C-alpha atoms as a PDB file:
ATOM      1  CA  MET A   1       0.092  -0.569   0.121  1.00  0.00           C
ATOM      2  CA  ARG A   2       1.390   3.617  -1.047  1.00  0.00           C
ATOM      3  CA  ASP A   3       2.285   5.498   2.348  1.00  0.00           C
ATOM      4  CA  ASP A   4       0.105   8.330   0.629  1.00  0.00           C
ATOM      5  CA  LEU A   5      -3.204   5.543   1.606  1.00  0.00           C
ATOM      6  CA  SER A   6      -2.266   6.031   4.957  1.00  0.00           C
ATOM      7  CA  HIS A   7      -4.221   9.329   5.163  1.00  0.00           C
ATOM      8  CA  GLY A   8      -7.382   7.315   3.627  1.00  0.00           C
ATOM      9  CA  LEU A   9      -7.845   5.332   6.719  1.00  0.00           C
ATOM     10  CA  HIS A  10      -9.061   5.859  10.153  1.00  0.00           C
ATOM     11  CA  ARG A  11      -8.843   2.704  12.879  1.00  0.00           C
ATOM     12  CA  LEU A  12     -10.877   2.743  16.237  1.00  0.00           C
ATOM     13  CA  ARG A  13     -12.730   0.458  17.876  1.00  0.00           C
ATOM     14  CA  ALA A  14     -16.261  -1.260  17.781  1.00  0.00           C
ATOM     15  CA  GLN A  15     -18.472  -3.807  18.696  1.00  0.00           C
ATOM     16  CA  ARG A  16     -19.408  -6.620  16.901  1.00  0.00           C
ATOM     17  CA  ILE A  17     -22.275  -8.705  17.328  1.00  0.00           C
ATOM     18  CA  HIS A  18     -22.183 -11.936  15.932  1.00  0.00           C
ATOM     19  CA  HIS A  19     -25.139 -14.507  16.920  1.00  0.00           C
ATOM     20  CA  GLY A  20     -26.026 -12.267  20.219  1.00  0.00           C
ATOM     21  CA  THR A  21     -22.252 -12.002  21.478  1.00  0.00           C
ATOM     22  CA  ARG A  22     -20.712  -8.907  22.071  1.00  0.00           C
ATOM     23  CA  SER A  23     -16.747  -8.159  21.384  1.00  0.00           C
ATOM     24  CA  GLU A  24     -14.302  -5.601  20.783  1.00  0.00           C
ATOM     25  CA  HIS A  25     -12.438  -4.662  17.972  1.00  0.00           C
ATOM     26  CA  GLU A  26     -10.726  -2.938  15.624  1.00  0.00           C
ATOM     27  CA  ASP A  27     -12.119  -1.443  12.314  1.00  0.00           C
ATOM     28  CA  ALA A  28     -11.066   0.508   9.489  1.00  0.00           C
ATOM     29  CA  VAL A  29     -12.700   2.611   7.777  1.00  0.00           C
ATOM     30  CA  VAL A  30     -12.226   5.604   5.013  1.00  0.00           C
ATOM     31  CA  VAL A  31     -11.302   8.739   5.675  1.00  0.00           C
ATOM     32  CA  GLU A  32     -14.277  11.219   4.330  1.00  0.00           C
ATOM     33  CA  THR A  33     -13.210  14.914   5.074  1.00  0.00           C
ATOM     34  CA  PRO A  34     -13.753  18.504   2.963  1.00  0.00           C
ATOM     35  CA  VAL A  35     -11.261  19.358   0.279  1.00  0.00           C
ATOM     36  CA  ALA A  36     -11.114  22.549  -1.240  1.00  0.00           C
ATOM     37  CA  LEU A  37      -9.478  23.751  -4.230  1.00  0.00           C
ATOM     38  CA  LEU A  38      -8.536  26.744  -5.067  1.00  0.00           C
ATOM     39  CA  TYR A  39      -6.487  28.382  -7.987  1.00  0.00           C
ATOM     40  CA  ASN A  40      -4.868  31.469  -7.626  1.00  0.00           C
ATOM     41  CA  GLY A  41      -6.146  32.249  -4.522  1.00  0.00           C
ATOM     42  CA  LEU A  42      -9.790  32.073  -5.704  1.00  0.00           C
ATOM     43  CA  PRO A  43     -11.984  29.519  -3.969  1.00  0.00           C
ATOM     44  CA  PHE A  44     -13.570  27.014  -6.824  1.00  0.00           C
ATOM     45  CA  ALA A  45     -15.270  24.146  -5.513  1.00  0.00           C
ATOM     46  CA  VAL A  46     -15.306  22.158  -1.734  1.00  0.00           C
ATOM     47  CA  MET A  47     -15.430  18.384  -1.961  1.00  0.00           C
ATOM     48  CA  MET A  48     -16.097  15.443   0.150  1.00  0.00           C
ATOM     49  CA  ALA A  49     -13.272  13.367  -0.522  1.00  0.00           C
ATOM     50  CA  THR A  50     -10.724  10.722   0.432  1.00  0.00           C
ATOM     51  CA  PRO A  51      -7.327  12.375   1.457  1.00  0.00           C
ATOM     52  CA  SER A  52      -5.084  10.435  -0.528  1.00  0.00           C
ATOM     53  CA  ASP A  53      -3.733  10.801  -3.962  1.00  0.00           C
ATOM     54  CA  LEU A  54      -4.206  14.792  -3.867  1.00  0.00           C
ATOM     55  CA  ASP A  55      -1.567  15.644  -6.034  1.00  0.00           C
ATOM     56  CA  ASP A  56      -3.049  13.323  -8.569  1.00  0.00           C
ATOM     57  CA  PHE A  57      -6.258  14.362  -7.353  1.00  0.00           C
ATOM     58  CA  ALA A  58      -5.879  18.465  -7.453  1.00  0.00           C
ATOM     59  CA  LEU A  59      -4.208  17.787 -11.204  1.00  0.00           C
ATOM     60  CA  GLY A  60      -7.445  15.276 -12.151  1.00  0.00           C
ATOM     61  CA  PHE A  61     -10.007  18.138 -10.813  1.00  0.00           C
ATOM     62  CA  ALA A  62      -8.524  21.172 -12.928  1.00  0.00           C
ATOM     63  CA  LEU A  63      -8.626  18.819 -16.147  1.00  0.00           C
ATOM     64  CA  GLY A  64     -11.269  17.537 -15.607  1.00  0.00           C
ATOM     65  CA  GLU A  65     -13.360  20.520 -15.153  1.00  0.00           C
ATOM     66  CA  GLY A  66     -12.022  21.893 -17.795  1.00  0.00           C
ATOM     67  CA  ILE A  67      -9.895  24.709 -15.417  1.00  0.00           C
ATOM     68  CA  VAL A  68      -7.154  24.039 -17.740  1.00  0.00           C
ATOM     69  CA  ALA A  69      -6.126  22.548 -20.997  1.00  0.00           C
ATOM     70  CA  ARG A  70      -2.685  20.536 -20.188  1.00  0.00           C
ATOM     71  CA  ALA A  71      -0.935  19.601 -17.254  1.00  0.00           C
ATOM     72  CA  ASP A  72       1.782  22.066 -18.029  1.00  0.00           C
ATOM     73  CA  GLU A  73      -1.395  24.922 -17.083  1.00  0.00           C
ATOM     74  CA  PHE A  74      -1.650  23.401 -13.584  1.00  0.00           C
ATOM     75  CA  ARG A  75       0.878  23.353 -10.298  1.00  0.00           C
ATOM     76  CA  LEU A  76       0.099  22.467  -6.640  1.00  0.00           C
ATOM     77  CA  VAL A  77       1.407  24.615  -5.069  1.00  0.00           C
ATOM     78  CA  ASP A  78       0.298  24.063  -1.220  1.00  0.00           C
ATOM     79  CA  THR A  79      -1.316  21.440   0.542  1.00  0.00           C
ATOM     80  CA  VAL A  80      -2.790  23.091   3.597  1.00  0.00           C
ATOM     81  CA  ARG A  81      -4.460  20.237   6.397  1.00  0.00           C
ATOM     82  CA  SER A  82      -6.774  22.489   9.013  1.00  0.00           C
ATOM     83  CA  ASP A  83      -9.089  20.600  11.324  1.00  0.00           C
ATOM     84  CA  ALA A  84     -12.104  21.829   9.096  1.00  0.00           C
ATOM     85  CA  GLY A  85     -10.243  19.814   6.715  1.00  0.00           C
ATOM     86  CA  ILE A  86      -7.716  20.313   3.389  1.00  0.00           C
ATOM     87  CA  ALA A  87      -6.962  23.237   0.944  1.00  0.00           C
ATOM     88  CA  LEU A  88      -5.392  22.492  -1.990  1.00  0.00           C
ATOM     89  CA  HIS A  89      -3.646  25.148  -3.754  1.00  0.00           C
ATOM     90  CA  GLY A  90      -3.097  25.639  -7.614  1.00  0.00           C
ATOM     91  CA  ALA A  91      -1.035  28.079  -9.921  1.00  0.00           C
ATOM     92  CA  ILE A  92      -2.944  28.238 -13.134  1.00  0.00           C
ATOM     93  CA  PRO A  93      -2.169  30.922 -16.039  1.00  0.00           C
ATOM     94  CA  GLN A  94      -3.692  34.499 -16.365  1.00  0.00           C
ATOM     95  CA  ALA A  95      -5.523  33.409 -18.708  1.00  0.00           C
ATOM     96  CA  ARG A  96      -7.122  30.644 -17.074  1.00  0.00           C
ATOM     97  CA  PHE A  97      -7.938  32.709 -14.260  1.00  0.00           C
ATOM     98  CA  ASP A  98      -9.462  35.573 -16.431  1.00  0.00           C
ATOM     99  CA  ALA A  99     -11.573  32.301 -18.036  1.00  0.00           C
ATOM    100  CA  LEU A 100     -12.516  30.463 -14.583  1.00  0.00           C
ATOM    101  CA  GLU A 101     -13.902  33.946 -13.201  1.00  0.00           C
ATOM    102  CA  HIS A 102     -16.132  35.024 -15.666  1.00  0.00           C
ATOM    103  CA  ARG A 103     -17.988  30.668 -14.845  1.00  0.00           C
ATOM    104  CA  ARG A 104     -17.200  30.693 -11.327  1.00  0.00           C
ATOM    105  CA  ARG A 105     -18.941  28.414  -9.300  1.00  0.00           C
ATOM    106  CA  ASN A 106     -19.586  28.159  -5.675  1.00  0.00           C
ATOM    107  CA  LEU A 107     -20.403  24.055  -5.726  1.00  0.00           C
ATOM    108  CA  GLU A 108     -20.090  22.394  -2.218  1.00  0.00           C
ATOM    109  CA  GLY A 109     -19.887  18.651  -3.259  1.00  0.00           C
ATOM    110  CA  ARG A 110     -20.484  15.288  -1.721  1.00  0.00           C
ATOM    111  CA  SER A 111     -19.722  11.994  -2.048  1.00  0.00           C
ATOM    112  CA  GLY A 112     -22.690  10.915  -4.180  1.00  0.00           C
ATOM    113  CA  CYS A 113     -22.949  14.024  -5.959  1.00  0.00           C
ATOM    114  CA  GLY A 114     -20.730  16.061  -9.065  1.00  0.00           C
ATOM    115  CA  LEU A 115     -22.942  18.796 -10.067  1.00  0.00           C
ATOM    116  CA  CYS A 116     -24.032  20.178  -6.490  1.00  0.00           C
ATOM    117  CA  GLY A 117     -24.294  23.992  -6.210  1.00  0.00           C
ATOM    118  CA  VAL A 118     -23.965  24.020 -10.441  1.00  0.00           C
ATOM    119  CA  GLU A 119     -26.175  27.771 -10.606  1.00  0.00           C
ATOM    120  CA  SER A 120     -28.245  27.593 -13.992  1.00  0.00           C
ATOM    121  CA  LEU A 121     -29.214  24.200 -15.622  1.00  0.00           C
ATOM    122  CA  ARG A 122     -26.431  25.582 -19.129  1.00  0.00           C
ATOM    123  CA  ASP A 123     -24.213  25.248 -16.392  1.00  0.00           C
ATOM    124  CA  ALA A 124     -24.690  21.719 -15.392  1.00  0.00           C
ATOM    125  CA  LEU A 125     -24.503  20.354 -19.186  1.00  0.00           C
ATOM    126  CA  ARG A 126     -20.873  21.779 -20.463  1.00  0.00           C
ATOM    127  CA  PRO A 127     -20.374  20.926 -24.020  1.00  0.00           C
ATOM    128  CA  VAL A 128     -19.149  17.297 -24.486  1.00  0.00           C
ATOM    129  CA  PRO A 129     -15.443  16.889 -26.379  1.00  0.00           C
ATOM    130  CA  ARG A 130     -15.266  14.416 -29.493  1.00  0.00           C
ATOM    131  CA  VAL A 131     -12.677  11.411 -28.161  1.00  0.00           C
ATOM    132  CA  ALA A 132     -10.594  10.020 -30.925  1.00  0.00           C
ATOM    133  CA  VAL A 133     -11.906   6.083 -31.963  1.00  0.00           C
ATOM    134  CA  PRO A 134     -10.501   3.683 -29.485  1.00  0.00           C
ATOM    135  CA  ALA A 135      -9.057   0.581 -30.352  1.00  0.00           C
ATOM    136  CA  ASP A 136     -11.740  -2.659 -30.180  1.00  0.00           C
ATOM    137  CA  VAL A 137     -11.976  -3.887 -26.401  1.00  0.00           C
ATOM    138  CA  SER A 138     -12.615  -7.995 -26.157  1.00  0.00           C
ATOM    139  CA  THR A 139     -14.362  -9.388 -23.478  1.00  0.00           C
ATOM    140  CA  ALA A 140     -11.729 -11.318 -22.345  1.00  0.00           C
ATOM    141  CA  ALA A 141      -9.695  -7.984 -21.323  1.00  0.00           C
ATOM    142  CA  ILE A 142     -12.607  -6.668 -19.586  1.00  0.00           C
ATOM    143  CA  ARG A 143     -13.109  -9.800 -17.610  1.00  0.00           C
ATOM    144  CA  THR A 144      -9.039  -9.670 -16.882  1.00  0.00           C
ATOM    145  CA  ALA A 145      -9.192  -6.550 -16.072  1.00  0.00           C
ATOM    146  CA  LEU A 146     -12.343  -6.483 -13.522  1.00  0.00           C
ATOM    147  CA  ALA A 147     -10.212  -9.547 -11.716  1.00  0.00           C
ATOM    148  CA  ALA A 148      -7.108  -7.525 -11.447  1.00  0.00           C
ATOM    149  CA  LEU A 149      -9.402  -4.428 -10.394  1.00  0.00           C
ATOM    150  CA  SER A 150     -10.490  -6.022  -6.872  1.00  0.00           C
ATOM    151  CA  HIS A 151      -7.027  -6.420  -6.121  1.00  0.00           C
ATOM    152  CA  GLN A 152      -5.642  -3.223  -6.766  1.00  0.00           C
ATOM    153  CA  GLN A 153      -8.032  -1.669  -3.720  1.00  0.00           C
ATOM    154  CA  PRO A 154      -6.186  -1.541  -0.745  1.00  0.00           C
ATOM    155  CA  LEU A 155      -8.582   1.421   0.965  1.00  0.00           C
ATOM    156  CA  ASN A 156     -11.748  -0.789  -0.214  1.00  0.00           C
ATOM    157  CA  ALA A 157      -9.657  -4.294   0.651  1.00  0.00           C
ATOM    158  CA  LEU A 158      -8.975  -2.423   4.778  1.00  0.00           C
ATOM    159  CA  SER A 159     -12.455  -0.776   4.908  1.00  0.00           C
ATOM    160  CA  GLY A 160     -15.244  -1.853   2.605  1.00  0.00           C
ATOM    161  CA  GLY A 161     -17.265   0.913   0.520  1.00  0.00           C
ATOM    162  CA  VAL A 162     -14.453   2.999  -1.436  1.00  0.00           C
ATOM    163  CA  HIS A 163     -15.016   3.558  -5.522  1.00  0.00           C
ATOM    164  CA  ALA A 164     -12.152   2.564  -7.977  1.00  0.00           C
ATOM    165  CA  ALA A 165     -11.338   3.995 -10.945  1.00  0.00           C
ATOM    166  CA  GLY A 166      -9.319   1.637 -13.390  1.00  0.00           C
ATOM    167  CA  PHE A 167      -7.546   2.431 -16.738  1.00  0.00           C
ATOM    168  CA  VAL A 168      -6.290  -0.442 -18.141  1.00  0.00           C
ATOM    169  CA  HIS A 169      -3.739  -0.639 -21.157  1.00  0.00           C
ATOM    170  CA  PRO A 170      -1.235  -2.580 -23.100  1.00  0.00           C
ATOM    171  CA  ASP A 171       1.121  -2.029 -20.150  1.00  0.00           C
ATOM    172  CA  GLY A 172      -1.092  -2.966 -16.754  1.00  0.00           C
ATOM    173  CA  LEU A 173      -3.643  -0.946 -14.701  1.00  0.00           C
ATOM    174  CA  LEU A 174      -3.658   2.205 -13.269  1.00  0.00           C
ATOM    175  CA  VAL A 175      -5.696   2.683 -10.206  1.00  0.00           C
ATOM    176  CA  ARG A 176      -6.979   5.278  -8.003  1.00  0.00           C
ATOM    177  CA  GLU A 177      -9.428   4.990  -5.135  1.00  0.00           C
ATOM    178  CA  ASP A 178     -11.595   7.357  -3.156  1.00  0.00           C
ATOM    179  CA  VAL A 179     -15.155   7.155  -1.440  1.00  0.00           C
ATOM    180  CA  GLY A 180     -16.864   9.341  -4.134  1.00  0.00           C
ATOM    181  CA  ARG A 181     -16.685   8.042  -7.515  1.00  0.00           C
ATOM    182  CA  HIS A 182     -16.232  11.500  -9.903  1.00  0.00           C
ATOM    183  CA  ASN A 183     -13.244  12.246  -7.079  1.00  0.00           C
ATOM    184  CA  ALA A 184     -11.932   8.129  -7.751  1.00  0.00           C
ATOM    185  CA  LEU A 185     -11.787   9.733 -11.417  1.00  0.00           C
ATOM    186  CA  ASP A 186     -10.280  12.953 -11.194  1.00  0.00           C
ATOM    187  CA  LYS A 187      -7.436  11.009  -8.812  1.00  0.00           C
ATOM    188  CA  LEU A 188      -6.714   8.584 -11.902  1.00  0.00           C
ATOM    189  CA  VAL A 189      -6.847  11.078 -14.552  1.00  0.00           C
ATOM    190  CA  GLY A 190      -4.454  13.367 -12.721  1.00  0.00           C
ATOM    191  CA  ALA A 191      -2.320  10.547 -12.475  1.00  0.00           C
ATOM    192  CA  LEU A 192      -2.589   9.466 -16.411  1.00  0.00           C
ATOM    193  CA  ALA A 193      -1.546  13.026 -17.040  1.00  0.00           C
ATOM    194  CA  VAL A 194       1.779  12.745 -14.792  1.00  0.00           C
ATOM    195  CA  HIS A 195       2.830   9.141 -15.452  1.00  0.00           C
ATOM    196  CA  PRO A 196       6.169   8.531 -16.406  1.00  0.00           C
ATOM    197  CA  MET A 197       5.369   6.547 -19.437  1.00  0.00           C
ATOM    198  CA  PRO A 198       2.716   8.164 -21.632  1.00  0.00           C
ATOM    199  CA  ILE A 199      -0.316   6.512 -22.412  1.00  0.00           C
ATOM    200  CA  ASP A 200      -1.721   6.787 -25.554  1.00  0.00           C
ATOM    201  CA  ARG A 201      -5.876   6.704 -23.742  1.00  0.00           C
ATOM    202  CA  ARG A 202      -6.938   5.140 -27.602  1.00  0.00           C
ATOM    203  CA  HIS A 203      -5.527   2.019 -26.394  1.00  0.00           C
ATOM    204  CA  GLY A 204      -7.133   1.271 -22.729  1.00  0.00           C
ATOM    205  CA  PHE A 205     -10.317   2.066 -21.388  1.00  0.00           C
ATOM    206  CA  LEU A 206     -11.583   2.931 -17.991  1.00  0.00           C
ATOM    207  CA  VAL A 207     -13.364   0.602 -15.296  1.00  0.00           C
ATOM    208  CA  ILE A 208     -15.121   2.105 -12.738  1.00  0.00           C
ATOM    209  CA  THR A 209     -16.671   0.382  -9.704  1.00  0.00           C
ATOM    210  CA  SER A 210     -19.878   2.701  -9.707  1.00  0.00           C
ATOM    211  CA  ARG A 211     -22.860   3.622 -11.982  1.00  0.00           C
ATOM    212  CA  ALA A 212     -22.146   5.404 -15.182  1.00  0.00           C
ATOM    213  CA  SER A 213     -23.637   8.735 -14.611  1.00  0.00           C
ATOM    214  CA  TYR A 214     -23.242  11.807 -16.893  1.00  0.00           C
ATOM    215  CA  GLU A 215     -20.274  13.152 -14.744  1.00  0.00           C
ATOM    216  CA  ILE A 216     -18.030   9.782 -15.442  1.00  0.00           C
ATOM    217  CA  VAL A 217     -18.739  10.017 -19.080  1.00  0.00           C
ATOM    218  CA  HIS A 218     -17.467  13.393 -19.428  1.00  0.00           C
ATOM    219  CA  LYS A 219     -15.147  13.231 -17.619  1.00  0.00           C
ATOM    220  CA  ALA A 220     -13.878   9.890 -19.619  1.00  0.00           C
ATOM    221  CA  ALA A 221     -14.487  12.684 -22.985  1.00  0.00           C
ATOM    222  CA  THR A 222     -12.613  15.198 -21.568  1.00  0.00           C
ATOM    223  CA  ALA A 223      -9.391  13.150 -20.437  1.00  0.00           C
ATOM    224  CA  GLY A 224      -9.752  11.335 -24.328  1.00  0.00           C
ATOM    225  CA  ILE A 225     -10.654   8.103 -22.955  1.00  0.00           C
ATOM    226  CA  GLY A 226     -13.018   6.083 -25.611  1.00  0.00           C
ATOM    227  CA  ALA A 227     -14.667   3.553 -23.589  1.00  0.00           C
ATOM    228  CA  VAL A 228     -16.105   3.004 -20.334  1.00  0.00           C
ATOM    229  CA  ILE A 229     -16.880   0.124 -18.744  1.00  0.00           C
ATOM    230  CA  ALA A 230     -19.017   0.396 -15.355  1.00  0.00           C
ATOM    231  CA  ILE A 231     -19.721  -2.494 -13.225  1.00  0.00           C
ATOM    232  CA  SER A 232     -23.624  -0.865 -12.485  1.00  0.00           C
ATOM    233  CA  ALA A 233     -25.895   0.560 -14.456  1.00  0.00           C
ATOM    234  CA  PRO A 234     -25.675   3.659 -17.036  1.00  0.00           C
ATOM    235  CA  THR A 235     -27.815   6.575 -16.720  1.00  0.00           C
ATOM    236  CA  ASP A 236     -29.773   7.645 -19.739  1.00  0.00           C
ATOM    237  CA  LEU A 237     -28.051  10.612 -19.967  1.00  0.00           C
ATOM    238  CA  ALA A 238     -24.445   8.820 -19.497  1.00  0.00           C
ATOM    239  CA  ILE A 239     -26.083   7.240 -22.923  1.00  0.00           C
ATOM    240  CA  ARG A 240     -26.908   9.742 -25.031  1.00  0.00           C
ATOM    241  CA  ILE A 241     -23.324  11.710 -23.847  1.00  0.00           C
ATOM    242  CA  ALA A 242     -21.256   8.400 -24.305  1.00  0.00           C
ATOM    243  CA  ASP A 243     -23.153   8.340 -28.147  1.00  0.00           C
ATOM    244  CA  GLU A 244     -22.459  12.263 -28.395  1.00  0.00           C
ATOM    245  CA  ALA A 245     -18.949  11.887 -27.593  1.00  0.00           C
ATOM    246  CA  GLY A 246     -17.972   8.720 -29.878  1.00  0.00           C
ATOM    247  CA  ILE A 247     -17.737   6.513 -26.082  1.00  0.00           C
ATOM    248  CA  THR A 248     -18.298   2.687 -26.011  1.00  0.00           C
ATOM    249  CA  LEU A 249     -19.951   2.918 -22.756  1.00  0.00           C
ATOM    250  CA  ALA A 250     -20.644  -1.070 -21.255  1.00  0.00           C
ATOM    251  CA  ALA A 251     -22.853  -1.112 -17.558  1.00  0.00           C
ATOM    252  CA  PHE A 252     -23.825  -4.069 -15.529  1.00  0.00           C
ATOM    253  CA  ALA A 253     -19.918  -5.275 -16.178  1.00  0.00           C
ATOM    254  CA  ARG A 254     -20.073  -8.690 -14.159  1.00  0.00           C
ATOM    255  CA  GLY A 255     -18.251 -12.228 -14.888  1.00  0.00           C
ATOM    256  CA  ASP A 256     -19.211 -12.971 -18.249  1.00  0.00           C
ATOM    257  CA  THR A 257     -21.741 -10.641 -18.775  1.00  0.00           C
ATOM    258  CA  LEU A 258     -22.066  -6.830 -20.511  1.00  0.00           C
ATOM    259  CA  ASN A 259     -24.424  -4.629 -21.662  1.00  0.00           C
ATOM    260  CA  VAL A 260     -22.660  -2.637 -24.379  1.00  0.00           C
ATOM    261  CA  TYR A 261     -25.548   0.456 -24.986  1.00  0.00           C
ATOM    262  CA  THR A 262     -23.512   2.746 -27.520  1.00  0.00           C
ATOM    263  CA  HIS A 263     -20.543   2.249 -30.465  1.00  0.00           C
ATOM    264  CA  PRO A 264     -21.092  -1.574 -29.376  1.00  0.00           C
ATOM    265  CA  ALA A 265     -19.075  -2.736 -32.175  1.00  0.00           C
ATOM    266  CA  ARG A 266     -15.695  -1.761 -30.725  1.00  0.00           C
ATOM    267  CA  ILE A 267     -16.115  -4.375 -27.878  1.00  0.00           C
ATOM    268  CA  VAL A 268     -15.077  -8.013 -29.429  1.00  0.00           C
ATOM    269  CA  ALA A 269     -16.736 -10.849 -28.279  1.00  0.00           C
ATOM    270  CA  SER A 270     -14.139 -13.697 -27.063  1.00  0.00           C
ATOM    271  CA  ARG A 271     -14.592 -16.862 -25.261  1.00  0.00           C
ATOM    272  CA  ASP A 272     -10.855 -16.636 -23.753  1.00  0.00           C
END
């Protein structure tokens, strides 16, 4: 387990009742704390998140929200921890800052919500970019990825109830975890952006341990990911956005079955 993940767990004493018998035991619970994101000193958002992989989160959130277009336009200059939570101070170019002031929103994020606090309906549905045509994905690769994903979730293994987002690529699987599914994907996008070996988003796919919502698909499109595989259900808006963006969206991916909702020809059935 990465040292940074220790910030994501809190150990405490709990009582277990089993068949009417009480016993004391030590439990590990996932940490959920307010994380504020500021750009050039301007407060933009407060998300309820797990305080691990915060460098990845800060960058991935800025990319996913369109605050910056490239990783080299963002620099995390300070991480301030207090009893109230954590503040991530980012530096962005002046032109990006000026644009941010025009679209500024004061949102209070929660672990199940990525659009809380948006001030208008127009702000809620931002234009979605179209992704480059991705490579085909075999059902065998999806099965393998889902099995591997369950073994690369140390926070979830110790505490339960933690979402994971993973990018499957020819050289392996990159995974990030968080109490919120959107946050897990932001962390993954940040990690992809600074990976020491450049990862071609066209030759890989996203697997996520949650439903496929609008925000998940939109963030994937912004990151240039052309295939999204969700363990749970999709929403109708996620399906429409995936179709518009050119993303292959599959859901209910469990064992040997999955439903493909958009651009299904890219999923190649395999018995291997």
